[in-house]
Amino acid sequence: MRMRRHHAGSDEEAGIDLTPMLDIVFIMLIFFIVTSSFVREAGIDVLRPSADSAVSKPRASILIAVSADGEIWMDGKAIDIRAVRAAVERMRVDQPDSTVVVQADRDARTGLVVRVMDQAKLAGIEDVALAATAGP
């Protein structure tokens, strides 16, 4: 009787197990998603007034836009002045230390801009800023 020898190397090819690398990549992806802060856009572009003393604010978490024709935009939707306070309070739940930046058009009514800033203050936001572009 003849005995056959089975060589493991001849039938199977050696390979690299990618499972640990994929586990690490997914863990890093989850880490970056959890730790990143997402900026919510106001919804429209406005022509901001210019100011020589304008400085860049590194992190604004709540943006409110006031257009020239009196529309107020938050989170991509047009809202009424009466809904600004509730919307800011709702957005503040996710980020308790959030700041508000009001992006008012240069032709927007001053009274409406002041009312928007007042509603943000009444919602409990201490840091309310008015956006402007740097330069003349």
N, C-alpha and C. Protein backbone atom coordinates (compact mmCIF):
# COMPACT_ATOMS: atom_id res chain seq x y z
N MET A 1 0.78 -1.16 0.00
CA MET A 1 0.00 0.00 0.00
C MET A 1 0.84 1.26 0.00
N ARG A 2 0.37 2.09 -0.81
CA ARG A 2 1.11 3.33 -0.97
C ARG A 2 0.45 4.43 -0.14
N MET A 3 1.25 5.19 0.55
CA MET A 3 0.75 6.26 1.40
C MET A 3 0.95 7.60 0.68
N ARG A 4 -0.11 8.35 0.68
CA ARG A 4 -0.02 9.68 0.08
C ARG A 4 0.31 10.71 1.14
N ARG A 5 1.12 11.60 0.75
CA ARG A 5 1.44 12.70 1.66
C ARG A 5 0.71 13.95 1.19
N HIS A 6 0.12 14.58 2.11
CA HIS A 6 -0.63 15.79 1.80
C HIS A 6 0.20 16.99 2.23
N HIS A 7 0.52 17.83 1.27
CA HIS A 7 1.30 19.03 1.58
C HIS A 7 0.35 20.20 1.74
N ALA A 8 0.41 20.82 2.89
CA ALA A 8 -0.49 21.94 3.18
C ALA A 8 -0.18 23.14 2.30
N GLY A 9 1.04 23.32 1.94
CA GLY A 9 1.43 24.47 1.16
C GLY A 9 1.06 24.39 -0.30
N SER A 10 0.84 23.23 -0.80
CA SER A 10 0.57 23.12 -2.22
C SER A 10 -0.87 23.49 -2.59
N ASP A 11 -1.84 23.14 -1.76
CA ASP A 11 -3.23 23.39 -2.08
C ASP A 11 -3.74 24.75 -1.58
N GLU A 12 -3.25 25.19 -0.48
CA GLU A 12 -3.72 26.44 0.12
C GLU A 12 -2.65 27.51 -0.01
N GLU A 13 -3.12 28.70 -0.29
CA GLU A 13 -2.17 29.81 -0.36
C GLU A 13 -2.19 30.57 0.96
N ALA A 14 -1.06 31.05 1.35
CA ALA A 14 -0.97 31.82 2.58
C ALA A 14 -1.57 33.20 2.34
N GLY A 15 -2.33 33.70 3.30
CA GLY A 15 -2.96 35.01 3.15
C GLY A 15 -2.87 35.81 4.44
N ILE A 16 -3.18 37.07 4.31
CA ILE A 16 -3.15 37.97 5.46
C ILE A 16 -4.58 38.16 5.94
N ASP A 17 -4.76 38.02 7.21
CA ASP A 17 -6.09 38.22 7.80
C ASP A 17 -6.31 39.71 8.03
N LEU A 18 -7.29 40.27 7.35
CA LEU A 18 -7.55 41.71 7.42
C LEU A 18 -8.57 42.08 8.49
N THR A 19 -9.10 41.12 9.20
CA THR A 19 -10.14 41.40 10.18
C THR A 19 -9.68 42.35 11.29
N PRO A 20 -8.52 42.18 11.89
CA PRO A 20 -8.11 43.14 12.94
C PRO A 20 -7.94 44.57 12.41
N MET A 21 -7.44 44.70 11.18
CA MET A 21 -7.27 46.03 10.61
C MET A 21 -8.63 46.69 10.37
N LEU A 22 -9.60 45.94 9.87
CA LEU A 22 -10.93 46.49 9.65
C LEU A 22 -11.60 46.87 10.97
N ASP A 23 -11.38 46.08 12.01
CA ASP A 23 -11.92 46.42 13.33
C ASP A 23 -11.38 47.76 13.81
N ILE A 24 -10.09 47.97 13.65
CA ILE A 24 -9.47 49.22 14.09
C ILE A 24 -9.98 50.39 13.27
N VAL A 25 -10.14 50.21 11.97
CA VAL A 25 -10.64 51.29 11.12
C VAL A 25 -12.06 51.67 11.52
N PHE A 26 -12.92 50.70 11.78
CA PHE A 26 -14.29 51.00 12.20
C PHE A 26 -14.34 51.66 13.57
N ILE A 27 -13.48 51.25 14.48
CA ILE A 27 -13.43 51.88 15.80
C ILE A 27 -12.98 53.33 15.67
N MET A 28 -11.98 53.59 14.82
CA MET A 28 -11.54 54.97 14.61
C MET A 28 -12.63 55.81 13.95
N LEU A 29 -13.37 55.24 13.01
CA LEU A 29 -14.46 55.95 12.37
C LEU A 29 -15.53 56.33 13.38
N ILE A 30 -15.90 55.42 14.24
CA ILE A 30 -16.88 55.71 15.29
C ILE A 30 -16.36 56.79 16.22
N PHE A 31 -15.09 56.73 16.59
CA PHE A 31 -14.49 57.73 17.46
C PHE A 31 -14.57 59.11 16.84
N PHE A 32 -14.23 59.25 15.57
CA PHE A 32 -14.26 60.56 14.92
C PHE A 32 -15.68 61.08 14.73
N ILE A 33 -16.62 60.21 14.49
CA ILE A 33 -18.01 60.64 14.36
C ILE A 33 -18.54 61.14 15.69
N VAL A 34 -18.22 60.45 16.77
CA VAL A 34 -18.72 60.83 18.08
C VAL A 34 -18.09 62.12 18.57
N THR A 35 -16.81 62.32 18.33
CA THR A 35 -16.11 63.48 18.87
C THR A 35 -16.21 64.72 17.99
N SER A 36 -16.64 64.58 16.76
CA SER A 36 -16.72 65.75 15.90
C SER A 36 -17.98 66.55 16.20
N SER A 37 -17.87 67.84 15.98
CA SER A 37 -19.04 68.69 16.16
C SER A 37 -19.49 69.15 14.78
N PHE A 38 -20.76 69.03 14.54
CA PHE A 38 -21.30 69.38 13.24
C PHE A 38 -21.86 70.79 13.30
N VAL A 39 -21.52 71.59 12.31
CA VAL A 39 -22.01 72.95 12.23
C VAL A 39 -23.30 72.94 11.44
N ARG A 40 -24.32 73.49 12.01
CA ARG A 40 -25.59 73.59 11.32
C ARG A 40 -25.65 74.93 10.61
N GLU A 41 -25.89 74.87 9.34
CA GLU A 41 -25.96 76.09 8.55
C GLU A 41 -27.30 76.79 8.76
N ALA A 42 -27.30 78.09 8.55
CA ALA A 42 -28.52 78.86 8.74
C ALA A 42 -29.52 78.58 7.63
N GLY A 43 -29.08 78.43 6.42
CA GLY A 43 -29.99 78.10 5.33
C GLY A 43 -29.92 79.03 4.15
N ILE A 44 -29.50 80.28 4.33
CA ILE A 44 -29.38 81.21 3.22
C ILE A 44 -28.07 81.96 3.35
N ASP A 45 -27.63 82.51 2.24
CA ASP A 45 -26.44 83.37 2.24
C ASP A 45 -26.89 84.82 2.32
N VAL A 46 -26.25 85.59 3.17
CA VAL A 46 -26.58 86.99 3.32
C VAL A 46 -25.36 87.83 3.02
N LEU A 47 -25.58 89.07 2.62
CA LEU A 47 -24.49 90.03 2.41
C LEU A 47 -24.23 90.72 3.74
N ARG A 48 -23.24 90.23 4.44
CA ARG A 48 -22.94 90.77 5.77
C ARG A 48 -22.27 92.13 5.64
N PRO A 49 -22.51 93.01 6.59
CA PRO A 49 -21.82 94.31 6.56
C PRO A 49 -20.35 94.12 6.90
N SER A 50 -19.55 95.08 6.48
CA SER A 50 -18.12 95.00 6.77
C SER A 50 -17.78 95.85 7.99
N ALA A 51 -16.76 95.40 8.72
CA ALA A 51 -16.30 96.12 9.90
C ALA A 51 -14.80 95.95 10.02
N ASP A 52 -14.11 97.02 10.35
CA ASP A 52 -12.67 96.95 10.51
C ASP A 52 -12.27 96.15 11.75
N SER A 53 -13.14 96.11 12.74
CA SER A 53 -12.81 95.41 13.99
C SER A 53 -13.32 93.97 14.01
N ALA A 54 -13.78 93.44 12.88
CA ALA A 54 -14.31 92.08 12.84
C ALA A 54 -13.20 91.07 13.08
N VAL A 55 -13.48 90.11 13.93
CA VAL A 55 -12.54 89.03 14.23
C VAL A 55 -13.22 87.70 13.94
N SER A 56 -12.41 86.72 13.65
CA SER A 56 -12.94 85.39 13.34
C SER A 56 -13.33 84.67 14.62
N LYS A 57 -14.51 84.10 14.64
CA LYS A 57 -14.97 83.32 15.78
C LYS A 57 -14.73 81.86 15.44
N PRO A 58 -13.91 81.18 16.21
CA PRO A 58 -13.52 79.83 15.81
C PRO A 58 -14.64 78.81 15.81
N ARG A 59 -15.63 79.01 16.69
CA ARG A 59 -16.65 77.97 16.80
C ARG A 59 -18.00 78.58 17.14
N ALA A 60 -18.87 78.54 16.21
CA ALA A 60 -20.24 78.99 16.44
C ALA A 60 -21.15 77.81 16.16
N SER A 61 -21.92 77.42 17.14
CA SER A 61 -22.70 76.21 16.97
C SER A 61 -24.12 76.47 16.50
N ILE A 62 -24.67 77.65 16.74
CA ILE A 62 -26.03 77.97 16.30
C ILE A 62 -25.96 79.21 15.42
N LEU A 63 -26.40 79.06 14.17
CA LEU A 63 -26.39 80.18 13.24
C LEU A 63 -27.81 80.58 12.92
N ILE A 64 -28.07 81.88 12.98
CA ILE A 64 -29.38 82.43 12.64
C ILE A 64 -29.14 83.48 11.56
N ALA A 65 -29.84 83.36 10.45
CA ALA A 65 -29.68 84.31 9.35
C ALA A 65 -30.93 85.18 9.25
N VAL A 66 -30.71 86.48 9.05
CA VAL A 66 -31.80 87.44 8.84
C VAL A 66 -31.58 88.06 7.47
N SER A 67 -32.55 87.86 6.57
CA SER A 67 -32.40 88.35 5.20
C SER A 67 -32.86 89.80 5.11
N ALA A 68 -32.61 90.41 3.96
CA ALA A 68 -32.97 91.81 3.74
C ALA A 68 -34.48 92.02 3.73
N ASP A 69 -35.23 91.00 3.34
CA ASP A 69 -36.68 91.16 3.30
C ASP A 69 -37.38 90.68 4.58
N GLY A 70 -36.62 90.46 5.65
CA GLY A 70 -37.21 90.17 6.96
C GLY A 70 -37.42 88.70 7.27
N GLU A 71 -36.89 87.79 6.47
CA GLU A 71 -37.02 86.37 6.77
C GLU A 71 -35.94 85.95 7.75
N ILE A 72 -36.30 85.04 8.65
CA ILE A 72 -35.36 84.50 9.63
C ILE A 72 -35.18 83.02 9.31
N TRP A 73 -33.93 82.60 9.19
CA TRP A 73 -33.62 81.22 8.83
C TRP A 73 -32.76 80.58 9.91
N MET A 74 -33.13 79.35 10.28
CA MET A 74 -32.34 78.54 11.20
C MET A 74 -32.38 77.10 10.72
N ASP A 75 -31.24 76.47 10.69
CA ASP A 75 -31.14 75.04 10.38
C ASP A 75 -31.80 74.70 9.04
N GLY A 76 -31.67 75.60 8.07
CA GLY A 76 -32.18 75.34 6.73
C GLY A 76 -33.66 75.59 6.54
N LYS A 77 -34.33 76.17 7.55
CA LYS A 77 -35.77 76.42 7.44
C LYS A 77 -36.08 77.86 7.83
N ALA A 78 -37.04 78.44 7.13
CA ALA A 78 -37.52 79.77 7.49
C ALA A 78 -38.44 79.64 8.70
N ILE A 79 -38.22 80.49 9.71
CA ILE A 79 -39.03 80.44 10.92
C ILE A 79 -39.54 81.83 11.25
N ASP A 80 -40.52 81.90 12.13
CA ASP A 80 -41.08 83.15 12.59
C ASP A 80 -40.28 83.65 13.80
N ILE A 81 -40.36 84.94 14.07
CA ILE A 81 -39.64 85.51 15.21
C ILE A 81 -40.09 84.88 16.52
N ARG A 82 -41.34 84.47 16.59
CA ARG A 82 -41.86 83.84 17.82
C ARG A 82 -41.30 82.45 18.05
N ALA A 83 -40.76 81.82 17.01
CA ALA A 83 -40.22 80.46 17.13
C ALA A 83 -38.71 80.43 17.36
N VAL A 84 -38.07 81.60 17.36
CA VAL A 84 -36.61 81.63 17.51
C VAL A 84 -36.19 81.11 18.87
N ARG A 85 -36.84 81.57 19.91
CA ARG A 85 -36.47 81.16 21.27
C ARG A 85 -36.60 79.65 21.45
N ALA A 86 -37.71 79.07 21.01
CA ALA A 86 -37.92 77.63 21.14
C ALA A 86 -36.90 76.84 20.32
N ALA A 87 -36.59 77.33 19.12
CA ALA A 87 -35.62 76.63 18.27
C ALA A 87 -34.23 76.67 18.88
N VAL A 88 -33.85 77.80 19.46
CA VAL A 88 -32.54 77.91 20.10
C VAL A 88 -32.49 77.00 21.33
N GLU A 89 -33.55 76.96 22.11
CA GLU A 89 -33.58 76.08 23.28
C GLU A 89 -33.47 74.61 22.86
N ARG A 90 -34.12 74.24 21.77
CA ARG A 90 -34.07 72.87 21.28
C ARG A 90 -32.66 72.52 20.82
N MET A 91 -31.99 73.44 20.12
CA MET A 91 -30.64 73.18 19.65
C MET A 91 -29.63 73.20 20.80
N ARG A 92 -29.96 73.92 21.84
CA ARG A 92 -29.05 74.05 23.00
C ARG A 92 -29.01 72.77 23.82
N VAL A 93 -30.03 71.93 23.70
CA VAL A 93 -30.06 70.67 24.46
C VAL A 93 -28.88 69.79 24.06
N ASP A 94 -28.56 69.77 22.76
CA ASP A 94 -27.44 68.95 22.29
C ASP A 94 -26.09 69.50 22.75
N GLN A 95 -25.97 70.83 22.78
CA GLN A 95 -24.71 71.48 23.15
C GLN A 95 -24.99 72.58 24.16
N PRO A 96 -24.89 72.28 25.44
CA PRO A 96 -25.24 73.28 26.46
C PRO A 96 -24.35 74.53 26.46
N ASP A 97 -23.12 74.41 26.02
CA ASP A 97 -22.21 75.56 26.02
C ASP A 97 -22.13 76.22 24.64
N SER A 98 -23.22 76.19 23.90
CA SER A 98 -23.23 76.71 22.54
C SER A 98 -23.28 78.23 22.50
N THR A 99 -22.87 78.75 21.35
CA THR A 99 -22.92 80.19 21.10
C THR A 99 -23.82 80.44 19.89
N VAL A 100 -24.34 81.65 19.79
CA VAL A 100 -25.21 82.03 18.68
C VAL A 100 -24.52 83.12 17.87
N VAL A 101 -24.54 82.96 16.57
CA VAL A 101 -24.05 84.00 15.66
C VAL A 101 -25.22 84.38 14.75
N VAL A 102 -25.57 85.65 14.78
CA VAL A 102 -26.64 86.18 13.94
C VAL A 102 -26.00 86.73 12.68
N GLN A 103 -26.36 86.15 11.54
CA GLN A 103 -25.85 86.59 10.25
C GLN A 103 -26.91 87.47 9.61
N ALA A 104 -26.82 88.76 9.86
CA ALA A 104 -27.82 89.70 9.34
C ALA A 104 -27.34 90.31 8.04
N ASP A 105 -28.24 90.42 7.08
CA ASP A 105 -27.94 91.09 5.83
C ASP A 105 -27.71 92.58 6.11
N ARG A 106 -26.87 93.21 5.30
CA ARG A 106 -26.57 94.63 5.54
C ARG A 106 -27.80 95.51 5.37
N ASP A 107 -28.82 95.03 4.64
CA ASP A 107 -30.04 95.80 4.44
C ASP A 107 -31.18 95.34 5.34
N ALA A 108 -30.90 94.46 6.29
CA ALA A 108 -31.95 93.97 7.20
C ALA A 108 -32.33 95.07 8.20
N ARG A 109 -33.57 95.02 8.65
CA ARG A 109 -34.04 96.01 9.62
C ARG A 109 -33.36 95.78 10.97
N THR A 110 -32.86 96.83 11.55
CA THR A 110 -32.14 96.75 12.82
C THR A 110 -33.05 96.24 13.93
N GLY A 111 -34.29 96.67 13.92
CA GLY A 111 -35.23 96.25 14.96
C GLY A 111 -35.43 94.74 14.96
N LEU A 112 -35.50 94.12 13.79
CA LEU A 112 -35.68 92.68 13.70
C LEU A 112 -34.43 91.95 14.18
N VAL A 113 -33.26 92.46 13.83
CA VAL A 113 -32.01 91.84 14.27
C VAL A 113 -31.90 91.89 15.79
N VAL A 114 -32.27 93.02 16.39
CA VAL A 114 -32.23 93.15 17.85
C VAL A 114 -33.22 92.18 18.50
N ARG A 115 -34.39 92.03 17.89
CA ARG A 115 -35.37 91.09 18.44
C ARG A 115 -34.87 89.66 18.37
N VAL A 116 -34.19 89.29 17.29
CA VAL A 116 -33.62 87.94 17.16
C VAL A 116 -32.55 87.71 18.22
N MET A 117 -31.68 88.70 18.41
CA MET A 117 -30.64 88.57 19.43
C MET A 117 -31.26 88.49 20.82
N ASP A 118 -32.33 89.23 21.07
CA ASP A 118 -33.01 89.19 22.35
C ASP A 118 -33.64 87.81 22.59
N GLN A 119 -34.23 87.22 21.57
CA GLN A 119 -34.82 85.88 21.72
C GLN A 119 -33.75 84.84 22.04
N ALA A 120 -32.57 84.98 21.44
CA ALA A 120 -31.47 84.06 21.74
C ALA A 120 -31.01 84.22 23.19
N LYS A 121 -30.95 85.45 23.67
CA LYS A 121 -30.57 85.69 25.07
C LYS A 121 -31.62 85.12 26.03
N LEU A 122 -32.90 85.28 25.67
CA LEU A 122 -33.96 84.75 26.51
C LEU A 122 -33.96 83.22 26.54
N ALA A 123 -33.38 82.60 25.52
CA ALA A 123 -33.28 81.15 25.48
C ALA A 123 -32.14 80.64 26.36
N GLY A 124 -31.39 81.54 26.96
CA GLY A 124 -30.32 81.14 27.87
C GLY A 124 -28.92 81.19 27.29
N ILE A 125 -28.76 81.73 26.11
CA ILE A 125 -27.44 81.84 25.49
C ILE A 125 -26.77 83.11 26.00
N GLU A 126 -25.59 82.97 26.54
CA GLU A 126 -24.86 84.14 27.05
C GLU A 126 -24.05 84.83 25.96
N ASP A 127 -23.53 84.05 25.01
CA ASP A 127 -22.64 84.58 23.99
C ASP A 127 -23.40 84.69 22.66
N VAL A 128 -23.89 85.87 22.34
CA VAL A 128 -24.58 86.15 21.09
C VAL A 128 -23.75 87.16 20.31
N ALA A 129 -23.38 86.81 19.08
CA ALA A 129 -22.53 87.69 18.28
C ALA A 129 -23.23 88.02 16.97
N LEU A 130 -22.82 89.12 16.38
CA LEU A 130 -23.33 89.57 15.09
C LEU A 130 -22.23 89.41 14.06
N ALA A 131 -22.52 88.71 12.98
CA ALA A 131 -21.50 88.40 11.97
C ALA A 131 -21.23 89.59 11.07
N ALA A 132 -19.97 89.80 10.73
CA ALA A 132 -19.54 90.86 9.81
C ALA A 132 -18.31 90.36 9.06
N THR A 133 -18.07 90.94 7.89
CA THR A 133 -16.87 90.60 7.15
C THR A 133 -15.77 91.60 7.51
N ALA A 134 -14.54 91.15 7.48
CA ALA A 134 -13.41 92.00 7.85
C ALA A 134 -13.07 92.94 6.69
N GLY A 135 -12.72 94.15 7.01
CA GLY A 135 -12.30 95.10 6.00
C GLY A 135 -13.35 96.16 5.74
N PRO A 136 -12.99 97.17 4.91
CA PRO A 136 -13.90 98.26 4.63
C PRO A 136 -15.06 97.85 3.73
